[in-house]
PDB file of N, CA and C in Angstrom:
ATOM      1  N   MET A   1     -19.650  19.820 -52.382  1.00  0.00           N
ATOM      2  CA  MET A   1     -19.495  19.142 -51.118  1.00  0.00           C
ATOM      3  C   MET A   1     -18.522  17.948 -51.085  1.00  0.00           C
ATOM      4  N   ALA A   2     -18.786  16.953 -51.981  1.00  0.00           N
ATOM      5  CA  ALA A   2     -17.735  16.192 -52.406  1.00  0.00           C
ATOM      6  C   ALA A   2     -17.799  15.165 -53.564  1.00  0.00           C
ATOM      7  N   PHE A   3     -16.833  14.666 -54.065  1.00  0.00           N
ATOM      8  CA  PHE A   3     -16.331  13.518 -54.958  1.00  0.00           C
ATOM      9  C   PHE A   3     -16.294  12.249 -54.270  1.00  0.00           C
ATOM     10  N   VAL A   4     -17.693  11.589 -54.465  1.00  0.00           N
ATOM     11  CA  VAL A   4     -18.050  10.301 -53.587  1.00  0.00           C
ATOM     12  C   VAL A   4     -18.008   8.998 -54.427  1.00  0.00           C
ATOM     13  N   THR A   5     -18.008   7.865 -53.764  1.00  0.00           N
ATOM     14  CA  THR A   5     -18.265   6.642 -54.587  1.00  0.00           C
ATOM     15  C   THR A   5     -19.576   6.449 -54.686  1.00  0.00           C
ATOM     16  N   THR A   6     -20.237   5.880 -55.743  1.00  0.00           N
ATOM     17  CA  THR A   6     -21.605   5.503 -56.220  1.00  0.00           C
ATOM     18  C   THR A   6     -21.615   4.762 -55.513  1.00  0.00           C
ATOM     19  N   LYS A   7     -21.179   3.799 -54.722  1.00  0.00           N
ATOM     20  CA  LYS A   7     -21.956   2.961 -53.529  1.00  0.00           C
ATOM     21  C   LYS A   7     -22.096   3.919 -52.490  1.00  0.00           C
ATOM     22  N   GLU A   8     -21.193   4.719 -51.895  1.00  0.00           N
ATOM     23  CA  GLU A   8     -21.835   5.594 -50.544  1.00  0.00           C
ATOM     24  C   GLU A   8     -23.318   6.261 -50.773  1.00  0.00           C
ATOM     25  N   MET A   9     -23.469   6.861 -52.236  1.00  0.00           N
ATOM     26  CA  MET A   9     -24.381   7.402 -52.762  1.00  0.00           C
ATOM     27  C   MET A   9     -25.587   7.202 -53.098  1.00  0.00           C
ATOM     28  N   LEU A  10     -25.430   5.443 -53.257  1.00  0.00           N
ATOM     29  CA  LEU A  10     -26.697   4.593 -53.442  1.00  0.00           C
ATOM     30  C   LEU A  10     -27.271   4.058 -52.325  1.00  0.00           C
ATOM     31  N   LYS A  11     -26.216   3.806 -51.220  1.00  0.00           N
ATOM     32  CA  LYS A  11     -26.711   3.205 -49.575  1.00  0.00           C
ATOM     33  C   LYS A  11     -27.516   4.336 -49.358  1.00  0.00           C
ATOM     34  N   GLU A  12     -27.114   5.782 -49.431  1.00  0.00           N
ATOM     35  CA  GLU A  12     -28.044   7.072 -48.936  1.00  0.00           C
ATOM     36  C   GLU A  12     -29.152   7.234 -49.202  1.00  0.00           C
ATOM     37  N   ALA A  13     -29.086   6.937 -50.732  1.00  0.00           N
ATOM     38  CA  ALA A  13     -30.379   6.790 -51.689  1.00  0.00           C
ATOM     39  C   ALA A  13     -31.452   5.677 -51.042  1.00  0.00           C
ATOM     40  N   GLN A  14     -30.970   4.452 -51.054  1.00  0.00           N
ATOM     41  CA  GLN A  14     -31.603   3.355 -50.297  1.00  0.00           C
ATOM     42  C   GLN A  14     -32.136   3.562 -48.904  1.00  0.00           C
ATOM     43  N   LYS A  15     -31.394   4.310 -47.993  1.00  0.00           N
ATOM     44  CA  LYS A  15     -31.910   4.478 -47.102  1.00  0.00           C
ATOM     45  C   LYS A  15     -32.762   5.602 -47.030  1.00  0.00           C
ATOM     46  N   GLY A  16     -32.571   6.603 -47.749  1.00  0.00           N
ATOM     47  CA  GLY A  16     -33.961   8.123 -47.959  1.00  0.00           C
ATOM     48  C   GLY A  16     -34.976   7.287 -48.810  1.00  0.00           C
ATOM     49  N   ARG A  17     -34.784   6.546 -49.556  1.00  0.00           N
ATOM     50  CA  ARG A  17     -35.853   5.663 -50.406  1.00  0.00           C
ATOM     51  C   ARG A  17     -35.991   6.989 -51.753  1.00  0.00           C
ATOM     52  N   TYR A  18     -35.169   7.033 -52.096  1.00  0.00           N
ATOM     53  CA  TYR A  18     -35.293   7.898 -53.452  1.00  0.00           C
ATOM     54  C   TYR A  18     -34.106   7.674 -54.530  1.00  0.00           C
ATOM     55  N   GLY A  19     -34.333   7.877 -55.598  1.00  0.00           N
ATOM     56  CA  GLY A  19     -33.686   7.804 -56.675  1.00  0.00           C
ATOM     57  C   GLY A  19     -32.453   8.636 -57.014  1.00  0.00           C
ATOM     58  N   ILE A  20     -31.521   8.669 -57.894  1.00  0.00           N
ATOM     59  CA  ILE A  20     -30.691   9.400 -58.214  1.00  0.00           C
ATOM     60  C   ILE A  20     -29.903   9.114 -59.546  1.00  0.00           C
ATOM     61  N   GLY A  21     -30.370  10.498 -60.045  1.00  0.00           N
ATOM     62  CA  GLY A  21     -29.681  10.633 -61.910  1.00  0.00           C
ATOM     63  C   GLY A  21     -28.874   9.978 -62.088  1.00  0.00           C
ATOM     64  N   ALA A  22     -28.675   9.635 -63.164  1.00  0.00           N
ATOM     65  CA  ALA A  22     -27.070   9.334 -63.844  1.00  0.00           C
ATOM     66  C   ALA A  22     -27.437   9.691 -65.142  1.00  0.00           C
ATOM     67  N   PHE A  23     -26.364  10.754 -65.753  1.00  0.00           N
ATOM     68  CA  PHE A  23     -26.303  11.706 -66.903  1.00  0.00           C
ATOM     69  C   PHE A  23     -24.693  11.079 -67.500  1.00  0.00           C
ATOM     70  N   ASN A  24     -24.797  11.037 -69.104  1.00  0.00           N
ATOM     71  CA  ASN A  24     -23.610  10.914 -69.552  1.00  0.00           C
ATOM     72  C   ASN A  24     -23.246  12.255 -69.869  1.00  0.00           C
ATOM     73  N   ALA A  25     -22.066  12.510 -70.299  1.00  0.00           N
ATOM     74  CA  ALA A  25     -21.266  13.879 -70.368  1.00  0.00           C
ATOM     75  C   ALA A  25     -19.995  13.438 -71.119  1.00  0.00           C
ATOM     76  N   ASN A  26     -19.779  14.320 -71.777  1.00  0.00           N
ATOM     77  CA  ASN A  26     -18.114  14.232 -72.900  1.00  0.00           C
ATOM     78  C   ASN A  26     -17.715  15.581 -72.683  1.00  0.00           C
ATOM     79  N   ASN A  27     -18.244  16.664 -72.204  1.00  0.00           N
ATOM     80  CA  ASN A  27     -17.645  18.117 -72.490  1.00  0.00           C
ATOM     81  C   ASN A  27     -17.625  18.824 -71.062  1.00  0.00           C
ATOM     82  N   MET A  28     -16.918  19.957 -70.591  1.00  0.00           N
ATOM     83  CA  MET A  28     -17.165  20.812 -69.687  1.00  0.00           C
ATOM     84  C   MET A  28     -18.263  21.282 -69.330  1.00  0.00           C
ATOM     85  N   GLU A  29     -18.971  21.806 -70.832  1.00  0.00           N
ATOM     86  CA  GLU A  29     -20.386  22.659 -70.704  1.00  0.00           C
ATOM     87  C   GLU A  29     -21.467  21.743 -70.367  1.00  0.00           C
ATOM     88  N   ILE A  30     -21.324  20.228 -70.540  1.00  0.00           N
ATOM     89  CA  ILE A  30     -22.583  19.268 -70.299  1.00  0.00           C
ATOM     90  C   ILE A  30     -22.267  19.040 -68.851  1.00  0.00           C
ATOM     91  N   ILE A  31     -21.002  18.985 -68.161  1.00  0.00           N
ATOM     92  CA  ILE A  31     -20.959  18.399 -66.821  1.00  0.00           C
ATOM     93  C   ILE A  31     -21.024  19.906 -66.024  1.00  0.00           C
ATOM     94  N   GLN A  32     -20.957  20.993 -66.540  1.00  0.00           N
ATOM     95  CA  GLN A  32     -21.600  22.026 -65.890  1.00  0.00           C
ATOM     96  C   GLN A  32     -23.195  22.273 -65.860  1.00  0.00           C
ATOM     97  N   ALA A  33     -23.526  21.744 -67.023  1.00  0.00           N
ATOM     98  CA  ALA A  33     -24.978  21.883 -66.900  1.00  0.00           C
ATOM     99  C   ALA A  33     -25.797  20.987 -65.769  1.00  0.00           C
ATOM    100  N   ILE A  34     -25.078  19.777 -66.044  1.00  0.00           N
ATOM    101  CA  ILE A  34     -25.707  18.571 -65.391  1.00  0.00           C
ATOM    102  C   ILE A  34     -25.560  18.864 -63.594  1.00  0.00           C
ATOM    103  N   VAL A  35     -24.426  19.478 -63.151  1.00  0.00           N
ATOM    104  CA  VAL A  35     -24.027  19.561 -61.871  1.00  0.00           C
ATOM    105  C   VAL A  35     -24.817  20.693 -61.435  1.00  0.00           C
ATOM    106  N   GLU A  36     -24.846  21.651 -61.954  1.00  0.00           N
ATOM    107  CA  GLU A  36     -25.704  22.945 -61.607  1.00  0.00           C
ATOM    108  C   GLU A  36     -26.931  22.793 -61.311  1.00  0.00           C
ATOM    109  N   THR A  37     -27.428  21.976 -62.372  1.00  0.00           N
ATOM    110  CA  THR A  37     -28.967  21.633 -62.408  1.00  0.00           C
ATOM    111  C   THR A  37     -29.026  20.703 -61.011  1.00  0.00           C
ATOM    112  N   ALA A  38     -28.466  19.914 -60.720  1.00  0.00           N
ATOM    113  CA  ALA A  38     -28.317  18.927 -59.715  1.00  0.00           C
ATOM    114  C   ALA A  38     -28.281  19.619 -58.439  1.00  0.00           C
ATOM    115  N   GLU A  39     -27.489  20.427 -58.473  1.00  0.00           N
ATOM    116  CA  GLU A  39     -27.123  21.465 -57.136  1.00  0.00           C
ATOM    117  C   GLU A  39     -28.454  22.078 -56.733  1.00  0.00           C
ATOM    118  N   GLU A  40     -29.072  23.002 -57.828  1.00  0.00           N
ATOM    119  CA  GLU A  40     -30.309  23.941 -57.769  1.00  0.00           C
ATOM    120  C   GLU A  40     -31.424  22.988 -57.174  1.00  0.00           C
ATOM    121  N   GLU A  41     -31.470  21.314 -57.316  1.00  0.00           N
ATOM    122  CA  GLU A  41     -32.566  20.461 -56.985  1.00  0.00           C
ATOM    123  C   GLU A  41     -32.034  20.155 -55.795  1.00  0.00           C
ATOM    124  N   LYS A  42     -30.822  20.191 -55.090  1.00  0.00           N
ATOM    125  CA  LYS A  42     -30.263  20.280 -53.893  1.00  0.00           C
ATOM    126  C   LYS A  42     -30.347  18.144 -54.008  1.00  0.00           C
ATOM    127  N   ALA A  43     -29.749  17.679 -55.497  1.00  0.00           N
ATOM    128  CA  ALA A  43     -29.988  16.110 -55.726  1.00  0.00           C
ATOM    129  C   ALA A  43     -28.576  15.724 -55.734  1.00  0.00           C
ATOM    130  N   PRO A  44     -28.431  15.083 -55.306  1.00  0.00           N
ATOM    131  CA  PRO A  44     -26.780  14.057 -55.388  1.00  0.00           C
ATOM    132  C   PRO A  44     -26.794  13.618 -57.141  1.00  0.00           C
ATOM    133  N   VAL A  45     -25.815  13.551 -57.891  1.00  0.00           N
ATOM    134  CA  VAL A  45     -25.970  13.114 -58.926  1.00  0.00           C
ATOM    135  C   VAL A  45     -24.711  12.191 -59.431  1.00  0.00           C
ATOM    136  N   ILE A  46     -24.872  11.710 -60.317  1.00  0.00           N
ATOM    137  CA  ILE A  46     -23.936  10.393 -61.204  1.00  0.00           C
ATOM    138  C   ILE A  46     -23.376  10.850 -62.529  1.00  0.00           C
ATOM    139  N   LEU A  47     -22.499  11.420 -62.627  1.00  0.00           N
ATOM    140  CA  LEU A  47     -22.197  11.857 -64.192  1.00  0.00           C
ATOM    141  C   LEU A  47     -21.345  10.280 -64.774  1.00  0.00           C
ATOM    142  N   GLN A  48     -21.682  10.173 -66.058  1.00  0.00           N
ATOM    143  CA  GLN A  48     -21.156   8.946 -66.869  1.00  0.00           C
ATOM    144  C   GLN A  48     -20.243   9.473 -67.842  1.00  0.00           C
ATOM    145  N   ALA A  49     -19.527   8.417 -68.102  1.00  0.00           N
ATOM    146  CA  ALA A  49     -18.633   9.098 -69.414  1.00  0.00           C
ATOM    147  C   ALA A  49     -18.419   7.261 -69.618  1.00  0.00           C
ATOM    148  N   SER A  50     -18.802   7.419 -71.154  1.00  0.00           N
ATOM    149  CA  SER A  50     -19.052   6.186 -72.179  1.00  0.00           C
ATOM    150  C   SER A  50     -17.135   5.847 -72.909  1.00  0.00           C
ATOM    151  N   GLN A  51     -17.300   5.230 -73.367  1.00  0.00           N
ATOM    152  CA  GLN A  51     -16.020   5.062 -74.017  1.00  0.00           C
ATOM    153  C   GLN A  51     -15.558   5.773 -74.952  1.00  0.00           C
ATOM    154  N   GLY A  52     -16.428   6.263 -75.716  1.00  0.00           N
ATOM    155  CA  GLY A  52     -16.854   7.101 -76.850  1.00  0.00           C
ATOM    156  C   GLY A  52     -16.409   8.565 -76.428  1.00  0.00           C
ATOM    157  N   ALA A  53     -16.926   8.818 -74.878  1.00  0.00           N
ATOM    158  CA  ALA A  53     -16.515  10.195 -74.383  1.00  0.00           C
ATOM    159  C   ALA A  53     -15.368  10.138 -73.848  1.00  0.00           C
ATOM    160  N   ILE A  54     -14.634   8.951 -73.515  1.00  0.00           N
ATOM    161  CA  ILE A  54     -13.348   8.983 -73.052  1.00  0.00           C
ATOM    162  C   ILE A  54     -12.275   9.104 -74.039  1.00  0.00           C
ATOM    163  N   LYS A  55     -12.934   8.645 -75.588  1.00  0.00           N
ATOM    164  CA  LYS A  55     -11.922   8.829 -76.601  1.00  0.00           C
ATOM    165  C   LYS A  55     -12.118  10.629 -77.352  1.00  0.00           C
ATOM    166  N   TYR A  56     -13.266  10.766 -76.860  1.00  0.00           N
ATOM    167  CA  TYR A  56     -12.960  12.339 -77.316  1.00  0.00           C
ATOM    168  C   TYR A  56     -12.685  13.216 -76.371  1.00  0.00           C
ATOM    169  N   ALA A  57     -12.701  13.113 -75.059  1.00  0.00           N
ATOM    170  CA  ALA A  57     -12.221  14.194 -74.421  1.00  0.00           C
ATOM    171  C   ALA A  57     -10.784  13.950 -73.537  1.00  0.00           C
ATOM    172  N   GLY A  58     -10.555  12.586 -73.577  1.00  0.00           N
ATOM    173  CA  GLY A  58      -9.551  12.223 -72.695  1.00  0.00           C
ATOM    174  C   GLY A  58      -9.958  11.940 -71.734  1.00  0.00           C
ATOM    175  N   LEU A  59      -9.084  10.503 -70.979  1.00  0.00           N
ATOM    176  CA  LEU A  59      -9.550   9.933 -69.616  1.00  0.00           C
ATOM    177  C   LEU A  59      -9.325  11.200 -68.287  1.00  0.00           C
ATOM    178  N   GLU A  60      -7.912  11.420 -68.333  1.00  0.00           N
ATOM    179  CA  GLU A  60      -7.648  12.492 -67.143  1.00  0.00           C
ATOM    180  C   GLU A  60      -8.532  13.707 -67.262  1.00  0.00           C
ATOM    181  N   SER A  61      -8.619  14.428 -68.295  1.00  0.00           N
ATOM    182  CA  SER A  61      -9.486  15.170 -68.553  1.00  0.00           C
ATOM    183  C   SER A  61     -11.360  15.314 -67.994  1.00  0.00           C
ATOM    184  N   ILE A  62     -11.532  14.225 -68.551  1.00  0.00           N
ATOM    185  CA  ILE A  62     -12.938  13.943 -68.134  1.00  0.00           C
ATOM    186  C   ILE A  62     -12.919  13.767 -66.183  1.00  0.00           C
ATOM    187  N   VAL A  63     -12.206  13.078 -65.615  1.00  0.00           N
ATOM    188  CA  VAL A  63     -11.991  12.691 -64.107  1.00  0.00           C
ATOM    189  C   VAL A  63     -11.630  14.029 -63.526  1.00  0.00           C
ATOM    190  N   ALA A  64     -10.408  15.313 -64.428  1.00  0.00           N
ATOM    191  CA  ALA A  64     -10.652  16.264 -63.586  1.00  0.00           C
ATOM    192  C   ALA A  64     -11.391  17.360 -63.919  1.00  0.00           C
ATOM    193  N   MET A  65     -12.307  17.372 -64.937  1.00  0.00           N
ATOM    194  CA  MET A  65     -13.576  18.092 -64.743  1.00  0.00           C
ATOM    195  C   MET A  65     -14.437  17.911 -63.958  1.00  0.00           C
ATOM    196  N   VAL A  66     -15.027  16.858 -63.548  1.00  0.00           N
ATOM    197  CA  VAL A  66     -15.580  16.610 -62.825  1.00  0.00           C
ATOM    198  C   VAL A  66     -15.561  16.692 -61.252  1.00  0.00           C
ATOM    199  N   LYS A  67     -13.979  16.219 -61.117  1.00  0.00           N
ATOM    200  CA  LYS A  67     -13.611  16.521 -59.561  1.00  0.00           C
ATOM    201  C   LYS A  67     -13.874  18.262 -59.401  1.00  0.00           C
ATOM    202  N   VAL A  68     -13.048  18.759 -60.436  1.00  0.00           N
ATOM    203  CA  VAL A  68     -13.304  20.378 -60.296  1.00  0.00           C
ATOM    204  C   VAL A  68     -15.024  20.714 -59.794  1.00  0.00           C
ATOM    205  N   MET A  69     -15.775  20.360 -60.699  1.00  0.00           N
ATOM    206  CA  MET A  69     -17.069  20.704 -60.601  1.00  0.00           C
ATOM    207  C   MET A  69     -17.884  20.119 -59.117  1.00  0.00           C
ATOM    208  N   ALA A  70     -17.213  18.961 -58.626  1.00  0.00           N
ATOM    209  CA  ALA A  70     -17.769  18.345 -57.192  1.00  0.00           C
ATOM    210  C   ALA A  70     -17.272  19.141 -56.174  1.00  0.00           C
ATOM    211  N   GLU A  71     -16.151  20.193 -56.648  1.00  0.00           N
ATOM    212  CA  GLU A  71     -15.488  21.106 -55.386  1.00  0.00           C
ATOM    213  C   GLU A  71     -15.962  21.963 -55.126  1.00  0.00           C
ATOM    214  N   LYS A  72     -16.781  22.483 -56.131  1.00  0.00           N
ATOM    215  CA  LYS A  72     -17.670  23.623 -56.344  1.00  0.00           C
ATOM    216  C   LYS A  72     -19.284  23.396 -55.981  1.00  0.00           C
ATOM    217  N   VAL A  73     -19.593  22.190 -55.504  1.00  0.00           N
ATOM    218  CA  VAL A  73     -20.861  22.501 -55.270  1.00  0.00           C
ATOM    219  C   VAL A  73     -21.208  21.675 -53.948  1.00  0.00           C
ATOM    220  N   ASN A  74     -22.442  21.862 -53.309  1.00  0.00           N
ATOM    221  CA  ASN A  74     -22.631  21.411 -52.072  1.00  0.00           C
ATOM    222  C   ASN A  74     -23.659  20.162 -52.060  1.00  0.00           C
ATOM    223  N   ILE A  75     -23.155  19.451 -53.033  1.00  0.00           N
ATOM    224  CA  ILE A  75     -24.303  17.876 -53.235  1.00  0.00           C
ATOM    225  C   ILE A  75     -23.236  17.065 -53.882  1.00  0.00           C
ATOM    226  N   PRO A  76     -23.507  15.732 -52.898  1.00  0.00           N
ATOM    227  CA  PRO A  76     -22.369  14.492 -53.954  1.00  0.00           C
ATOM    228  C   PRO A  76     -22.389  14.441 -55.398  1.00  0.00           C
ATOM    229  N   VAL A  77     -21.222  14.350 -55.978  1.00  0.00           N
ATOM    230  CA  VAL A  77     -20.965  13.909 -57.270  1.00  0.00           C
ATOM    231  C   VAL A  77     -20.601  12.807 -57.439  1.00  0.00           C
ATOM    232  N   ALA A  78     -20.708  11.714 -58.232  1.00  0.00           N
ATOM    233  CA  ALA A  78     -19.984  10.329 -58.377  1.00  0.00           C
ATOM    234  C   ALA A  78     -19.665  10.316 -60.114  1.00  0.00           C
ATOM    235  N   LEU A  79     -18.381   9.630 -60.594  1.00  0.00           N
ATOM    236  CA  LEU A  79     -18.388   9.323 -61.601  1.00  0.00           C
ATOM    237  C   LEU A  79     -18.192   8.265 -62.097  1.00  0.00           C
ATOM    238  N   HIS A  80     -19.153   7.122 -63.265  1.00  0.00           N
ATOM    239  CA  HIS A  80     -19.134   6.273 -63.266  1.00  0.00           C
ATOM    240  C   HIS A  80     -19.190   5.931 -64.714  1.00  0.00           C
ATOM    241  N   LEU A  81     -18.304   4.708 -64.920  1.00  0.00           N
ATOM    242  CA  LEU A  81     -17.805   4.496 -66.697  1.00  0.00           C
ATOM    243  C   LEU A  81     -18.845   3.719 -67.069  1.00  0.00           C
ATOM    244  N   ASP A  82     -19.784   4.059 -68.211  1.00  0.00           N
ATOM    245  CA  ASP A  82     -21.064   3.420 -68.756  1.00  0.00           C
ATOM    246  C   ASP A  82     -20.553   2.716 -70.131  1.00  0.00           C
ATOM    247  N   HIS A  83     -20.763   1.007 -69.933  1.00  0.00           N
ATOM    248  CA  HIS A  83     -20.385   0.224 -70.815  1.00  0.00           C
ATOM    249  C   HIS A  83     -18.976   0.380 -71.001  1.00  0.00           C
ATOM    250  N   GLY A  84     -18.232  -0.305 -70.165  1.00  0.00           N
ATOM    251  CA  GLY A  84     -16.957  -0.329 -70.280  1.00  0.00           C
ATOM    252  C   GLY A  84     -16.875  -1.770 -70.776  1.00  0.00           C
ATOM    253  N   THR A  85     -16.324  -1.991 -72.197  1.00  0.00           N
ATOM    254  CA  THR A  85     -16.222  -2.726 -72.694  1.00  0.00           C
ATOM    255  C   THR A  85     -14.749  -3.791 -72.688  1.00  0.00           C
ATOM    256  N   ASP A  86     -13.638  -2.849 -72.417  1.00  0.00           N
ATOM    257  CA  ASP A  86     -12.647  -3.707 -72.220  1.00  0.00           C
ATOM    258  C   ASP A  86     -11.928  -3.469 -70.836  1.00  0.00           C
ATOM    259  N   TYR A  87     -11.479  -4.656 -70.549  1.00  0.00           N
ATOM    260  CA  TYR A  87     -11.065  -5.173 -69.504  1.00  0.00           C
ATOM    261  C   TYR A  87      -9.910  -3.953 -68.510  1.00  0.00           C
ATOM    262  N   TYR A  88      -8.767  -3.780 -69.934  1.00  0.00           N
ATOM    263  CA  TYR A  88      -7.825  -2.915 -69.118  1.00  0.00           C
ATOM    264  C   TYR A  88      -8.065  -1.590 -68.843  1.00  0.00           C
ATOM    265  N   GLN A  89      -9.094  -1.030 -70.034  1.00  0.00           N
ATOM    266  CA  GLN A  89      -9.408   0.410 -70.059  1.00  0.00           C
ATOM    267  C   GLN A  89     -10.200   0.849 -68.607  1.00  0.00           C
ATOM    268  N   ASN A  90     -11.334  -0.346 -68.254  1.00  0.00           N
ATOM    269  CA  ASN A  90     -11.529  -0.422 -66.887  1.00  0.00           C
ATOM    270  C   ASN A  90     -11.031  -0.015 -65.915  1.00  0.00           C
ATOM    271  N   ILE A  91      -9.809  -0.710 -65.521  1.00  0.00           N
ATOM    272  CA  ILE A  91      -8.979  -0.794 -64.696  1.00  0.00           C
ATOM    273  C   ILE A  91      -8.296   0.626 -64.963  1.00  0.00           C
ATOM    274  N   LYS A  92      -7.811   0.978 -65.759  1.00  0.00           N
ATOM    275  CA  LYS A  92      -7.689   2.750 -65.961  1.00  0.00           C
ATOM    276  C   LYS A  92      -8.090   3.541 -65.605  1.00  0.00           C
ATOM    277  N   CYS A  93      -9.339   3.578 -65.911  1.00  0.00           N
ATOM    278  CA  CYS A  93     -10.718   4.488 -65.369  1.00  0.00           C
ATOM    279  C   CYS A  93     -10.770   4.527 -63.817  1.00  0.00           C
ATOM    280  N   LEU A  94     -10.758   3.336 -63.128  1.00  0.00           N
ATOM    281  CA  LEU A  94     -10.946   3.099 -61.535  1.00  0.00           C
ATOM    282  C   LEU A  94      -9.664   4.018 -61.203  1.00  0.00           C
ATOM    283  N   ARG A  95      -8.327   3.394 -61.427  1.00  0.00           N
ATOM    284  CA  ARG A  95      -6.921   4.021 -61.323  1.00  0.00           C
ATOM    285  C   ARG A  95      -7.146   5.672 -61.385  1.00  0.00           C
ATOM    286  N   ALA A  96      -7.810   6.230 -62.405  1.00  0.00           N
ATOM    287  CA  ALA A  96      -7.749   7.429 -62.699  1.00  0.00           C
ATOM    288  C   ALA A  96      -8.975   8.259 -61.832  1.00  0.00           C
ATOM    289  N   GLY A  97      -9.820   7.518 -60.966  1.00  0.00           N
ATOM    290  CA  GLY A  97     -10.668   8.342 -60.221  1.00  0.00           C
ATOM    291  C   GLY A  97     -12.265   8.034 -60.425  1.00  0.00           C
ATOM    292  N   PHE A  98     -12.638   7.299 -61.450  1.00  0.00           N
ATOM    293  CA  PHE A  98     -13.764   6.802 -61.692  1.00  0.00           C
ATOM    294  C   PHE A  98     -14.285   6.156 -60.386  1.00  0.00           C
ATOM    295  N   THR A  99     -15.594   6.417 -60.205  1.00  0.00           N
ATOM    296  CA  THR A  99     -16.294   6.182 -58.752  1.00  0.00           C
ATOM    297  C   THR A  99     -17.003   4.438 -58.792  1.00  0.00           C
ATOM    298  N   SER A 100     -17.395   4.294 -60.145  1.00  0.00           N
ATOM    299  CA  SER A 100     -17.805   2.767 -60.488  1.00  0.00           C
ATOM    300  C   SER A 100     -17.602   2.638 -62.056  1.00  0.00           C
ATOM    301  N   LEU A 101     -18.379   1.520 -61.935  1.00  0.00           N
ATOM    302  CA  LEU A 101     -18.300   1.052 -63.565  1.00  0.00           C
ATOM    303  C   LEU A 101     -19.141   0.065 -63.934  1.00  0.00           C
ATOM    304  N   MET A 102     -19.762   0.396 -65.185  1.00  0.00           N
ATOM    305  CA  MET A 102     -20.506  -0.968 -65.747  1.00  0.00           C
ATOM    306  C   MET A 102     -19.833  -1.699 -66.525  1.00  0.00           C
ATOM    307  N   TYR A 103     -19.479  -3.068 -66.615  1.00  0.00           N
ATOM    308  CA  TYR A 103     -18.636  -3.754 -67.292  1.00  0.00           C
ATOM    309  C   TYR A 103     -19.734  -4.318 -68.671  1.00  0.00           C
ATOM    310  N   ASP A 104     -19.445  -4.184 -69.626  1.00  0.00           N
ATOM    311  CA  ASP A 104     -20.290  -4.775 -70.594  1.00  0.00           C
ATOM    312  C   ASP A 104     -19.745  -6.058 -71.413  1.00  0.00           C
ATOM    313  N   GLY A 105     -20.052  -7.114 -71.421  1.00  0.00           N
ATOM    314  CA  GLY A 105     -19.701  -8.193 -72.151  1.00  0.00           C
ATOM    315  C   GLY A 105     -20.409  -8.635 -72.794  1.00  0.00           C
ATOM    316  N   SER A 106     -21.337  -7.703 -73.539  1.00  0.00           N
ATOM    317  CA  SER A 106     -22.504  -8.217 -74.363  1.00  0.00           C
ATOM    318  C   SER A 106     -21.902  -8.703 -75.563  1.00  0.00           C
ATOM    319  N   LYS A 107     -20.563  -8.326 -76.092  1.00  0.00           N
ATOM    320  CA  LYS A 107     -20.112  -8.721 -77.347  1.00  0.00           C
ATOM    321  C   LYS A 107     -19.430 -10.134 -77.466  1.00  0.00           C
ATOM    322  N   LEU A 108     -19.049 -10.676 -76.023  1.00  0.00           N
ATOM    323  CA  LEU A 108     -18.349 -11.687 -75.699  1.00  0.00           C
ATOM    324  C   LEU A 108     -19.539 -12.985 -75.674  1.00  0.00           C
ATOM    325  N   PRO A 109     -18.713 -14.346 -76.114  1.00  0.00           N
ATOM    326  CA  PRO A 109     -19.361 -15.373 -76.343  1.00  0.00           C
ATOM    327  C   PRO A 109     -20.201 -15.776 -75.124  1.00  0.00           C
ATOM    328  N   PHE A 110     -21.271 -15.888 -74.770  1.00  0.00           N
ATOM    329  CA  PHE A 110     -21.892 -16.314 -73.611  1.00  0.00           C
ATOM    330  C   PHE A 110     -21.093 -16.939 -72.385  1.00  0.00           C
ATOM    331  N   ASN A 111     -20.498 -18.027 -72.991  1.00  0.00           N
ATOM    332  CA  ASN A 111     -19.727 -18.567 -71.765  1.00  0.00           C
ATOM    333  C   ASN A 111     -18.822 -17.787 -70.957  1.00  0.00           C
ATOM    334  N   GLU A 112     -18.314 -16.847 -71.835  1.00  0.00           N
ATOM    335  CA  GLU A 112     -17.201 -15.713 -70.997  1.00  0.00           C
ATOM    336  C   GLU A 112     -17.785 -14.826 -70.661  1.00  0.00           C
ATOM    337  N   ASN A 113     -19.326 -14.246 -70.876  1.00  0.00           N
ATOM    338  CA  ASN A 113     -19.933 -13.546 -70.519  1.00  0.00           C
ATOM    339  C   ASN A 113     -20.328 -13.635 -69.090  1.00  0.00           C
ATOM    340  N   VAL A 114     -20.675 -14.836 -68.729  1.00  0.00           N
ATOM    341  CA  VAL A 114     -21.129 -15.354 -67.319  1.00  0.00           C
ATOM    342  C   VAL A 114     -20.500 -15.751 -66.696  1.00  0.00           C
ATOM    343  N   ASP A 115     -19.228 -16.041 -66.992  1.00  0.00           N
ATOM    344  CA  ASP A 115     -18.280 -16.764 -66.198  1.00  0.00           C
ATOM    345  C   ASP A 115     -17.673 -16.178 -64.901  1.00  0.00           C
TER     346      ASP A 115
END
């Protein structure tokens, strides 16, 4: 179907009153298993990559693998950065094709975290 933004996907879920699974993946086999299972269930899916997964597989590789799988299936697929701790890495992920991110400021002092 399509590689879509997480925002689009969540708006549809809210309208339809259903939840969406979000699963961490760091290699092609895991990405394939998640997407193929979601397609069998006719369910949209959010694939998540952590900073560790990006270090392991490479930023461009993760984006490319997810986009390739999204083109092969008839369900919406989104790519989310899970616990992005570095501002510049977060920007790189969005520019590379991630459709959403969760910024993790938990290691920052309280005042910086809520600023």
